[in-house]
Amino acid sequence: INMYDSEKVFELVANHDLHFGIIERLLISDQTETFPLFLDELVLAGNTDSETFFTRESGSGIGYYINRYLKSAPSSRRNIVRMNSNEMIISHIKSGLGSSLISKSFLSDDIPYQELGSNYHREFLGVSFDEEKDPVIQKLINKIKKETERKMQVQFSH
């Protein structure tokens, strides 16, 4: 398992160098098939009174949302600290050293957070090579699709 940004994952799948990937935004080509996997909610977590705001590196999928938040947020976020992992950010906000936008699913019960509304919801997508010939890979992708469809039906019926 490797982690890349959405463009790199998409490129690897489109070139058939990767059988399946997860991307954070819709990208389309004739060589790929894209389908919904799951929904995510970003929240403002940590010490919101702090002037320190933790952000991810350039190219991170959350960058768009962070830029949107910082443009609309109070100017008290003077110290922007860039980190290259969510684990580092969570560790720092858990220690009360600042705040950040982060997936609600990453948070433990002891980390305070504020919901930011539907503008901070995002959808993760699966992407596969459209003309996959390997029957094992085809079966795996079909299983992922069926399970995802089932979970989304349950999620939206509540």
N, C-alpha and C. Protein backbone atom coordinates (compact mmCIF):
# COMPACT_ATOMS: atom_id res chain seq x y z
N ILE A 1 0.86 -1.18 0.00
CA ILE A 1 0.00 0.00 0.00
C ILE A 1 0.90 1.23 0.00
N ASN A 2 0.60 2.15 -0.91
CA ASN A 2 1.34 3.40 -1.00
C ASN A 2 0.38 4.57 -0.91
N MET A 3 0.87 5.72 -0.42
CA MET A 3 0.06 6.93 -0.37
C MET A 3 0.63 7.95 -1.35
N TYR A 4 -0.27 8.47 -2.19
CA TYR A 4 0.07 9.52 -3.14
C TYR A 4 -1.07 10.52 -3.15
N ASP A 5 -0.84 11.69 -3.74
CA ASP A 5 -1.95 12.62 -3.90
C ASP A 5 -2.87 12.09 -5.00
N SER A 6 -4.07 12.68 -5.08
CA SER A 6 -5.10 12.18 -6.00
C SER A 6 -4.63 12.14 -7.45
N GLU A 7 -3.92 13.18 -7.90
CA GLU A 7 -3.46 13.21 -9.29
C GLU A 7 -2.51 12.06 -9.59
N LYS A 8 -1.60 11.79 -8.67
CA LYS A 8 -0.63 10.71 -8.88
C LYS A 8 -1.32 9.35 -8.89
N VAL A 9 -2.25 9.13 -7.97
CA VAL A 9 -3.01 7.87 -7.94
C VAL A 9 -3.76 7.70 -9.26
N PHE A 10 -4.43 8.76 -9.68
CA PHE A 10 -5.20 8.71 -10.93
C PHE A 10 -4.31 8.38 -12.11
N GLU A 11 -3.16 9.03 -12.19
CA GLU A 11 -2.21 8.80 -13.28
C GLU A 11 -1.73 7.34 -13.28
N LEU A 12 -1.41 6.82 -12.10
CA LEU A 12 -0.94 5.43 -12.01
C LEU A 12 -2.02 4.44 -12.46
N VAL A 13 -3.27 4.69 -12.07
CA VAL A 13 -4.37 3.81 -12.48
C VAL A 13 -4.62 3.95 -13.98
N ALA A 14 -4.66 5.17 -14.49
CA ALA A 14 -4.90 5.41 -15.93
C ALA A 14 -3.83 4.73 -16.79
N ASN A 15 -2.61 4.68 -16.29
CA ASN A 15 -1.51 4.02 -17.02
C ASN A 15 -1.43 2.53 -16.73
N HIS A 16 -2.35 2.04 -15.90
CA HIS A 16 -2.42 0.65 -15.47
C HIS A 16 -1.17 0.21 -14.71
N ASP A 17 -0.53 1.15 -14.04
CA ASP A 17 0.59 0.84 -13.15
C ASP A 17 0.07 0.51 -11.75
N LEU A 18 -1.21 0.77 -11.52
CA LEU A 18 -1.88 0.52 -10.25
C LEU A 18 -3.27 0.01 -10.61
N HIS A 19 -3.74 -1.02 -9.89
CA HIS A 19 -5.05 -1.60 -10.22
C HIS A 19 -6.22 -0.82 -9.63
N PHE A 20 -6.02 -0.26 -8.46
CA PHE A 20 -7.11 0.42 -7.75
C PHE A 20 -6.52 1.52 -6.89
N GLY A 21 -7.26 2.63 -6.77
CA GLY A 21 -6.82 3.72 -5.92
C GLY A 21 -7.99 4.43 -5.30
N ILE A 22 -7.69 5.24 -4.29
CA ILE A 22 -8.69 6.08 -3.63
C ILE A 22 -8.27 7.52 -3.84
N ILE A 23 -9.20 8.32 -4.35
CA ILE A 23 -8.91 9.74 -4.63
C ILE A 23 -9.93 10.61 -3.92
N GLU A 24 -9.55 11.88 -3.71
CA GLU A 24 -10.39 12.81 -2.96
C GLU A 24 -11.20 13.75 -3.83
N ARG A 25 -11.02 13.66 -5.12
CA ARG A 25 -11.83 14.53 -5.99
C ARG A 25 -12.00 13.83 -7.33
N LEU A 26 -13.07 14.20 -8.01
CA LEU A 26 -13.42 13.55 -9.26
C LEU A 26 -12.42 13.89 -10.36
N LEU A 27 -11.82 12.86 -10.91
CA LEU A 27 -10.93 12.97 -12.06
C LEU A 27 -11.42 11.92 -13.06
N ILE A 28 -11.45 12.26 -14.33
CA ILE A 28 -12.04 11.37 -15.33
C ILE A 28 -11.10 11.21 -16.53
N SER A 29 -11.05 9.98 -17.05
CA SER A 29 -10.37 9.72 -18.32
C SER A 29 -11.04 8.51 -18.97
N ASP A 30 -10.72 8.29 -20.22
CA ASP A 30 -11.27 7.13 -20.94
C ASP A 30 -10.72 5.81 -20.41
N GLN A 31 -9.59 5.85 -19.72
CA GLN A 31 -8.95 4.62 -19.24
C GLN A 31 -9.38 4.22 -17.84
N THR A 32 -10.21 5.03 -17.18
CA THR A 32 -10.54 4.75 -15.78
C THR A 32 -12.04 4.70 -15.54
N GLU A 33 -12.40 4.07 -14.44
CA GLU A 33 -13.76 4.08 -13.93
C GLU A 33 -13.69 4.63 -12.50
N THR A 34 -14.54 5.59 -12.21
CA THR A 34 -14.55 6.21 -10.89
C THR A 34 -15.91 5.98 -10.25
N PHE A 35 -15.92 5.68 -8.94
CA PHE A 35 -17.17 5.42 -8.24
C PHE A 35 -17.05 5.85 -6.78
N PRO A 36 -18.18 6.23 -6.15
CA PRO A 36 -18.14 6.73 -4.77
C PRO A 36 -17.76 5.61 -3.79
N LEU A 37 -16.95 5.97 -2.78
CA LEU A 37 -16.56 5.02 -1.74
C LEU A 37 -17.17 5.39 -0.38
N PHE A 38 -16.90 6.62 0.08
CA PHE A 38 -17.45 7.02 1.37
C PHE A 38 -17.41 8.53 1.53
N LEU A 39 -18.19 9.01 2.49
CA LEU A 39 -18.26 10.43 2.79
C LEU A 39 -17.43 10.73 4.03
N ASP A 40 -16.93 11.95 4.11
CA ASP A 40 -16.10 12.37 5.23
C ASP A 40 -16.49 13.79 5.64
N GLU A 41 -16.32 14.10 6.91
CA GLU A 41 -16.61 15.45 7.40
C GLU A 41 -15.35 16.03 8.03
N LEU A 42 -14.97 17.21 7.57
CA LEU A 42 -13.84 17.92 8.18
C LEU A 42 -14.38 18.83 9.27
N VAL A 43 -13.64 18.90 10.38
CA VAL A 43 -14.04 19.74 11.51
C VAL A 43 -12.84 20.58 11.94
N LEU A 44 -13.12 21.66 12.68
CA LEU A 44 -12.06 22.46 13.29
C LEU A 44 -11.80 21.85 14.65
N ALA A 45 -10.62 21.28 14.84
CA ALA A 45 -10.31 20.55 16.07
C ALA A 45 -9.15 21.19 16.81
N GLY A 46 -9.19 21.05 18.13
CA GLY A 46 -8.09 21.51 18.97
C GLY A 46 -8.41 22.80 19.70
N ASN A 47 -7.36 23.49 20.10
CA ASN A 47 -7.46 24.73 20.87
C ASN A 47 -7.72 25.90 19.92
N THR A 48 -8.96 26.29 19.79
CA THR A 48 -9.32 27.34 18.83
C THR A 48 -8.96 28.73 19.34
N ASP A 49 -8.54 28.86 20.60
CA ASP A 49 -8.08 30.15 21.12
C ASP A 49 -6.61 30.41 20.78
N SER A 50 -5.93 29.37 20.36
CA SER A 50 -4.51 29.48 20.02
C SER A 50 -4.33 30.23 18.70
N GLU A 51 -3.22 30.95 18.56
CA GLU A 51 -2.89 31.61 17.30
C GLU A 51 -2.23 30.65 16.32
N THR A 52 -1.96 29.42 16.76
CA THR A 52 -1.28 28.44 15.92
C THR A 52 -2.29 27.56 15.20
N PHE A 53 -2.09 27.45 13.90
CA PHE A 53 -2.96 26.62 13.07
C PHE A 53 -2.08 25.66 12.29
N PHE A 54 -2.36 24.36 12.42
CA PHE A 54 -1.58 23.34 11.72
C PHE A 54 -2.22 23.01 10.39
N THR A 55 -1.39 22.89 9.38
CA THR A 55 -1.87 22.57 8.04
C THR A 55 -1.00 21.48 7.44
N ARG A 56 -1.50 20.85 6.39
CA ARG A 56 -0.76 19.81 5.70
C ARG A 56 0.11 20.43 4.62
N GLU A 57 0.98 19.61 4.03
CA GLU A 57 1.89 20.06 2.99
C GLU A 57 1.12 20.41 1.73
N SER A 58 1.76 21.18 0.86
CA SER A 58 1.15 21.53 -0.43
C SER A 58 0.83 20.25 -1.19
N GLY A 59 -0.29 20.24 -1.87
CA GLY A 59 -0.71 19.06 -2.63
C GLY A 59 -1.58 18.11 -1.83
N SER A 60 -1.69 18.32 -0.54
CA SER A 60 -2.55 17.48 0.28
C SER A 60 -4.00 17.70 -0.14
N GLY A 61 -4.79 16.65 -0.10
CA GLY A 61 -6.19 16.75 -0.49
C GLY A 61 -7.00 17.70 0.36
N ILE A 62 -6.57 17.93 1.56
CA ILE A 62 -7.31 18.81 2.46
C ILE A 62 -6.95 20.29 2.24
N GLY A 63 -5.92 20.54 1.43
CA GLY A 63 -5.43 21.91 1.20
C GLY A 63 -6.50 22.87 0.73
N TYR A 64 -7.36 22.44 -0.19
CA TYR A 64 -8.44 23.28 -0.69
C TYR A 64 -9.33 23.75 0.45
N TYR A 65 -9.68 22.83 1.33
CA TYR A 65 -10.57 23.15 2.45
C TYR A 65 -9.88 24.06 3.47
N ILE A 66 -8.61 23.83 3.70
CA ILE A 66 -7.86 24.68 4.63
C ILE A 66 -7.79 26.10 4.09
N ASN A 67 -7.48 26.25 2.81
CA ASN A 67 -7.43 27.60 2.21
C ASN A 67 -8.78 28.30 2.34
N ARG A 68 -9.84 27.58 2.07
CA ARG A 68 -11.19 28.15 2.19
C ARG A 68 -11.45 28.58 3.63
N TYR A 69 -11.08 27.73 4.58
CA TYR A 69 -11.30 28.06 5.99
C TYR A 69 -10.49 29.29 6.42
N LEU A 70 -9.20 29.30 6.06
CA LEU A 70 -8.34 30.42 6.48
C LEU A 70 -8.80 31.75 5.89
N LYS A 71 -9.35 31.74 4.69
CA LYS A 71 -9.87 32.98 4.09
C LYS A 71 -11.10 33.49 4.83
N SER A 72 -11.88 32.58 5.40
CA SER A 72 -13.11 32.98 6.08
C SER A 72 -12.94 33.09 7.59
N ALA A 73 -11.84 32.60 8.13
CA ALA A 73 -11.64 32.55 9.59
C ALA A 73 -11.15 33.89 10.12
N PRO A 74 -11.33 34.09 11.42
CA PRO A 74 -10.77 35.30 12.05
C PRO A 74 -9.26 35.38 11.83
N SER A 75 -8.72 36.55 11.79
CA SER A 75 -7.29 36.73 11.50
C SER A 75 -6.39 36.32 12.66
N SER A 76 -6.95 35.73 13.71
CA SER A 76 -6.13 35.33 14.85
C SER A 76 -5.23 34.14 14.54
N ARG A 77 -5.37 33.53 13.38
CA ARG A 77 -4.53 32.39 13.00
C ARG A 77 -3.24 32.91 12.36
N ARG A 78 -2.34 33.42 13.19
CA ARG A 78 -1.13 34.06 12.67
C ARG A 78 0.02 33.09 12.44
N ASN A 79 0.07 32.04 13.23
CA ASN A 79 1.19 31.11 13.12
C ASN A 79 0.72 29.85 12.39
N ILE A 80 1.03 29.78 11.11
CA ILE A 80 0.65 28.63 10.30
C ILE A 80 1.84 27.67 10.28
N VAL A 81 1.62 26.45 10.77
CA VAL A 81 2.67 25.45 10.86
C VAL A 81 2.31 24.29 9.93
N ARG A 82 3.17 24.03 8.96
CA ARG A 82 2.92 22.98 7.97
C ARG A 82 3.52 21.67 8.47
N MET A 83 2.71 20.59 8.42
CA MET A 83 3.17 19.26 8.85
C MET A 83 2.85 18.27 7.74
N ASN A 84 3.60 17.16 7.70
CA ASN A 84 3.40 16.21 6.61
C ASN A 84 2.63 14.96 7.01
N SER A 85 1.98 14.97 8.18
CA SER A 85 1.15 13.81 8.53
C SER A 85 0.02 14.21 9.46
N ASN A 86 -1.10 13.55 9.28
CA ASN A 86 -2.24 13.79 10.16
C ASN A 86 -1.92 13.37 11.60
N GLU A 87 -1.11 12.33 11.76
CA GLU A 87 -0.76 11.85 13.09
C GLU A 87 -0.02 12.94 13.88
N MET A 88 0.89 13.65 13.21
CA MET A 88 1.60 14.75 13.88
C MET A 88 0.64 15.86 14.28
N ILE A 89 -0.27 16.20 13.38
CA ILE A 89 -1.24 17.25 13.67
C ILE A 89 -2.11 16.85 14.85
N ILE A 90 -2.61 15.63 14.85
CA ILE A 90 -3.46 15.17 15.95
C ILE A 90 -2.71 15.19 17.27
N SER A 91 -1.47 14.77 17.25
CA SER A 91 -0.65 14.80 18.47
C SER A 91 -0.52 16.22 19.02
N HIS A 92 -0.30 17.18 18.14
CA HIS A 92 -0.13 18.58 18.57
C HIS A 92 -1.44 19.18 19.05
N ILE A 93 -2.55 18.90 18.36
CA ILE A 93 -3.82 19.48 18.82
C ILE A 93 -4.29 18.79 20.11
N LYS A 94 -3.97 17.53 20.25
CA LYS A 94 -4.31 16.79 21.49
C LYS A 94 -3.57 17.39 22.68
N SER A 95 -2.37 17.91 22.43
CA SER A 95 -1.57 18.54 23.49
C SER A 95 -1.98 19.99 23.75
N GLY A 96 -2.95 20.49 23.00
CA GLY A 96 -3.44 21.85 23.20
C GLY A 96 -2.59 22.92 22.56
N LEU A 97 -1.75 22.54 21.58
CA LEU A 97 -0.80 23.49 20.99
C LEU A 97 -1.35 24.30 19.82
N GLY A 98 -2.58 24.05 19.42
CA GLY A 98 -3.16 24.79 18.31
C GLY A 98 -4.38 24.07 17.79
N SER A 99 -4.79 24.45 16.58
CA SER A 99 -5.97 23.84 15.97
C SER A 99 -5.69 23.51 14.51
N SER A 100 -6.61 22.75 13.92
CA SER A 100 -6.47 22.37 12.52
C SER A 100 -7.80 21.87 11.99
N LEU A 101 -7.93 21.87 10.68
CA LEU A 101 -9.04 21.16 10.04
C LEU A 101 -8.59 19.73 9.89
N ILE A 102 -9.45 18.81 10.30
CA ILE A 102 -9.08 17.40 10.22
C ILE A 102 -10.35 16.56 10.11
N SER A 103 -10.21 15.37 9.58
CA SER A 103 -11.36 14.49 9.46
C SER A 103 -11.90 14.14 10.84
N LYS A 104 -13.20 14.27 10.99
CA LYS A 104 -13.85 13.95 12.26
C LYS A 104 -13.59 12.50 12.65
N SER A 105 -13.44 11.63 11.67
CA SER A 105 -13.21 10.20 11.95
C SER A 105 -11.85 9.93 12.59
N PHE A 106 -10.90 10.88 12.50
CA PHE A 106 -9.58 10.70 13.09
C PHE A 106 -9.53 11.07 14.57
N LEU A 107 -10.59 11.74 15.06
CA LEU A 107 -10.54 12.31 16.40
C LEU A 107 -10.96 11.33 17.47
N SER A 108 -10.28 11.40 18.62
CA SER A 108 -10.69 10.65 19.79
C SER A 108 -11.62 11.54 20.63
N ASP A 109 -12.29 10.95 21.58
CA ASP A 109 -13.28 11.67 22.39
C ASP A 109 -12.69 12.83 23.19
N ASP A 110 -11.39 12.81 23.44
CA ASP A 110 -10.77 13.85 24.27
C ASP A 110 -10.29 15.07 23.48
N ILE A 111 -10.57 15.12 22.19
CA ILE A 111 -10.17 16.28 21.37
C ILE A 111 -11.41 17.10 21.06
N PRO A 112 -11.44 18.37 21.51
CA PRO A 112 -12.60 19.21 21.21
C PRO A 112 -12.62 19.59 19.73
N TYR A 113 -13.83 19.76 19.20
CA TYR A 113 -13.95 20.16 17.80
C TYR A 113 -15.24 20.94 17.58
N GLN A 114 -15.25 21.65 16.45
CA GLN A 114 -16.44 22.38 16.01
C GLN A 114 -16.78 21.93 14.60
N GLU A 115 -18.06 21.62 14.38
CA GLU A 115 -18.49 21.28 13.02
C GLU A 115 -18.57 22.57 12.21
N LEU A 116 -18.28 22.46 10.91
CA LEU A 116 -18.20 23.63 10.04
C LEU A 116 -19.27 23.64 8.95
N GLY A 117 -20.13 22.64 8.91
CA GLY A 117 -21.21 22.63 7.95
C GLY A 117 -20.90 21.83 6.70
N SER A 118 -21.89 21.78 5.82
CA SER A 118 -21.81 20.92 4.64
C SER A 118 -20.74 21.34 3.63
N ASN A 119 -20.26 22.58 3.70
CA ASN A 119 -19.17 22.99 2.81
C ASN A 119 -17.86 22.28 3.13
N TYR A 120 -17.83 21.60 4.28
CA TYR A 120 -16.62 20.88 4.69
C TYR A 120 -16.85 19.37 4.71
N HIS A 121 -17.81 18.92 3.91
CA HIS A 121 -18.02 17.49 3.68
C HIS A 121 -17.36 17.15 2.36
N ARG A 122 -16.77 15.98 2.28
CA ARG A 122 -16.12 15.57 1.03
C ARG A 122 -16.39 14.09 0.76
N GLU A 123 -16.28 13.73 -0.49
CA GLU A 123 -16.52 12.36 -0.91
C GLU A 123 -15.22 11.76 -1.43
N PHE A 124 -14.91 10.56 -0.93
CA PHE A 124 -13.77 9.83 -1.46
C PHE A 124 -14.27 8.89 -2.54
N LEU A 125 -13.46 8.73 -3.57
CA LEU A 125 -13.85 7.94 -4.73
C LEU A 125 -12.85 6.82 -4.98
N GLY A 126 -13.37 5.70 -5.48
CA GLY A 126 -12.51 4.63 -5.94
C GLY A 126 -12.24 4.84 -7.41
N VAL A 127 -11.08 4.48 -7.85
CA VAL A 127 -10.74 4.58 -9.28
C VAL A 127 -10.03 3.29 -9.69
N SER A 128 -10.48 2.75 -10.82
CA SER A 128 -9.88 1.51 -11.32
C SER A 128 -9.65 1.63 -12.83
N PHE A 129 -8.80 0.76 -13.34
CA PHE A 129 -8.53 0.72 -14.77
C PHE A 129 -9.76 0.16 -15.46
N ASP A 130 -10.28 0.89 -16.44
CA ASP A 130 -11.57 0.57 -17.06
C ASP A 130 -11.58 -0.78 -17.77
N GLU A 131 -10.47 -1.17 -18.36
CA GLU A 131 -10.44 -2.42 -19.12
C GLU A 131 -9.60 -3.48 -18.40
N GLU A 132 -9.76 -3.55 -17.08
CA GLU A 132 -9.03 -4.54 -16.27
C GLU A 132 -9.35 -5.95 -16.76
N LYS A 133 -8.32 -6.74 -17.02
CA LYS A 133 -8.49 -8.11 -17.52
C LYS A 133 -8.29 -9.17 -16.44
N ASP A 134 -7.56 -8.85 -15.40
CA ASP A 134 -7.26 -9.83 -14.35
C ASP A 134 -8.54 -10.17 -13.58
N PRO A 135 -8.99 -11.43 -13.60
CA PRO A 135 -10.25 -11.79 -12.95
C PRO A 135 -10.22 -11.60 -11.42
N VAL A 136 -9.08 -11.76 -10.82
CA VAL A 136 -8.97 -11.56 -9.36
C VAL A 136 -9.18 -10.08 -9.03
N ILE A 137 -8.56 -9.20 -9.79
CA ILE A 137 -8.72 -7.75 -9.59
C ILE A 137 -10.16 -7.34 -9.89
N GLN A 138 -10.74 -7.87 -10.96
CA GLN A 138 -12.14 -7.56 -11.28
C GLN A 138 -13.06 -7.95 -10.13
N LYS A 139 -12.85 -9.15 -9.59
CA LYS A 139 -13.68 -9.64 -8.49
C LYS A 139 -13.52 -8.74 -7.25
N LEU A 140 -12.29 -8.35 -6.95
CA LEU A 140 -12.03 -7.48 -5.80
C LEU A 140 -12.71 -6.12 -5.97
N ILE A 141 -12.58 -5.53 -7.13
CA ILE A 141 -13.20 -4.21 -7.38
C ILE A 141 -14.72 -4.31 -7.31
N ASN A 142 -15.29 -5.37 -7.88
CA ASN A 142 -16.74 -5.55 -7.81
C ASN A 142 -17.21 -5.73 -6.36
N LYS A 143 -16.41 -6.43 -5.56
CA LYS A 143 -16.76 -6.61 -4.14
C LYS A 143 -16.72 -5.27 -3.41
N ILE A 144 -15.71 -4.46 -3.70
CA ILE A 144 -15.61 -3.12 -3.08
C ILE A 144 -16.83 -2.29 -3.47
N LYS A 145 -17.20 -2.31 -4.74
CA LYS A 145 -18.35 -1.54 -5.21
C LYS A 145 -19.64 -1.97 -4.51
N LYS A 146 -19.86 -3.29 -4.43
CA LYS A 146 -21.09 -3.79 -3.80
C LYS A 146 -21.14 -3.42 -2.32
N GLU A 147 -20.03 -3.57 -1.64
CA GLU A 147 -19.99 -3.24 -0.21
C GLU A 147 -20.20 -1.74 0.01
N THR A 148 -19.61 -0.94 -0.84
CA THR A 148 -19.77 0.51 -0.75
C THR A 148 -21.22 0.91 -1.00
N GLU A 149 -21.83 0.33 -2.03
CA GLU A 149 -23.24 0.63 -2.32
C GLU A 149 -24.12 0.27 -1.13
N ARG A 150 -23.87 -0.89 -0.52
CA ARG A 150 -24.65 -1.33 0.63
C ARG A 150 -24.50 -0.36 1.80
N LYS A 151 -23.27 0.05 2.08
CA LYS A 151 -23.03 0.97 3.21
C LYS A 151 -23.65 2.34 2.95
N MET A 152 -23.57 2.82 1.72
CA MET A 152 -24.15 4.12 1.40
C MET A 152 -25.67 4.07 1.51
N GLN A 153 -26.29 2.97 1.11
CA GLN A 153 -27.74 2.84 1.25
C GLN A 153 -28.14 2.89 2.72
N VAL A 154 -27.38 2.20 3.57
CA VAL A 154 -27.65 2.21 5.01
C VAL A 154 -27.44 3.61 5.57
N GLN A 155 -26.37 4.28 5.17
CA GLN A 155 -26.04 5.62 5.65
C GLN A 155 -27.14 6.61 5.30
N PHE A 156 -27.67 6.55 4.08
CA PHE A 156 -28.67 7.51 3.65
C PHE A 156 -30.08 7.16 4.10
N SER A 157 -30.28 5.93 4.58
CA SER A 157 -31.61 5.55 5.06
C SER A 157 -31.83 5.94 6.52
N HIS A 158 -30.78 6.39 7.19
CA HIS A 158 -30.92 6.81 8.60
C HIS A 158 -31.13 8.27 8.73
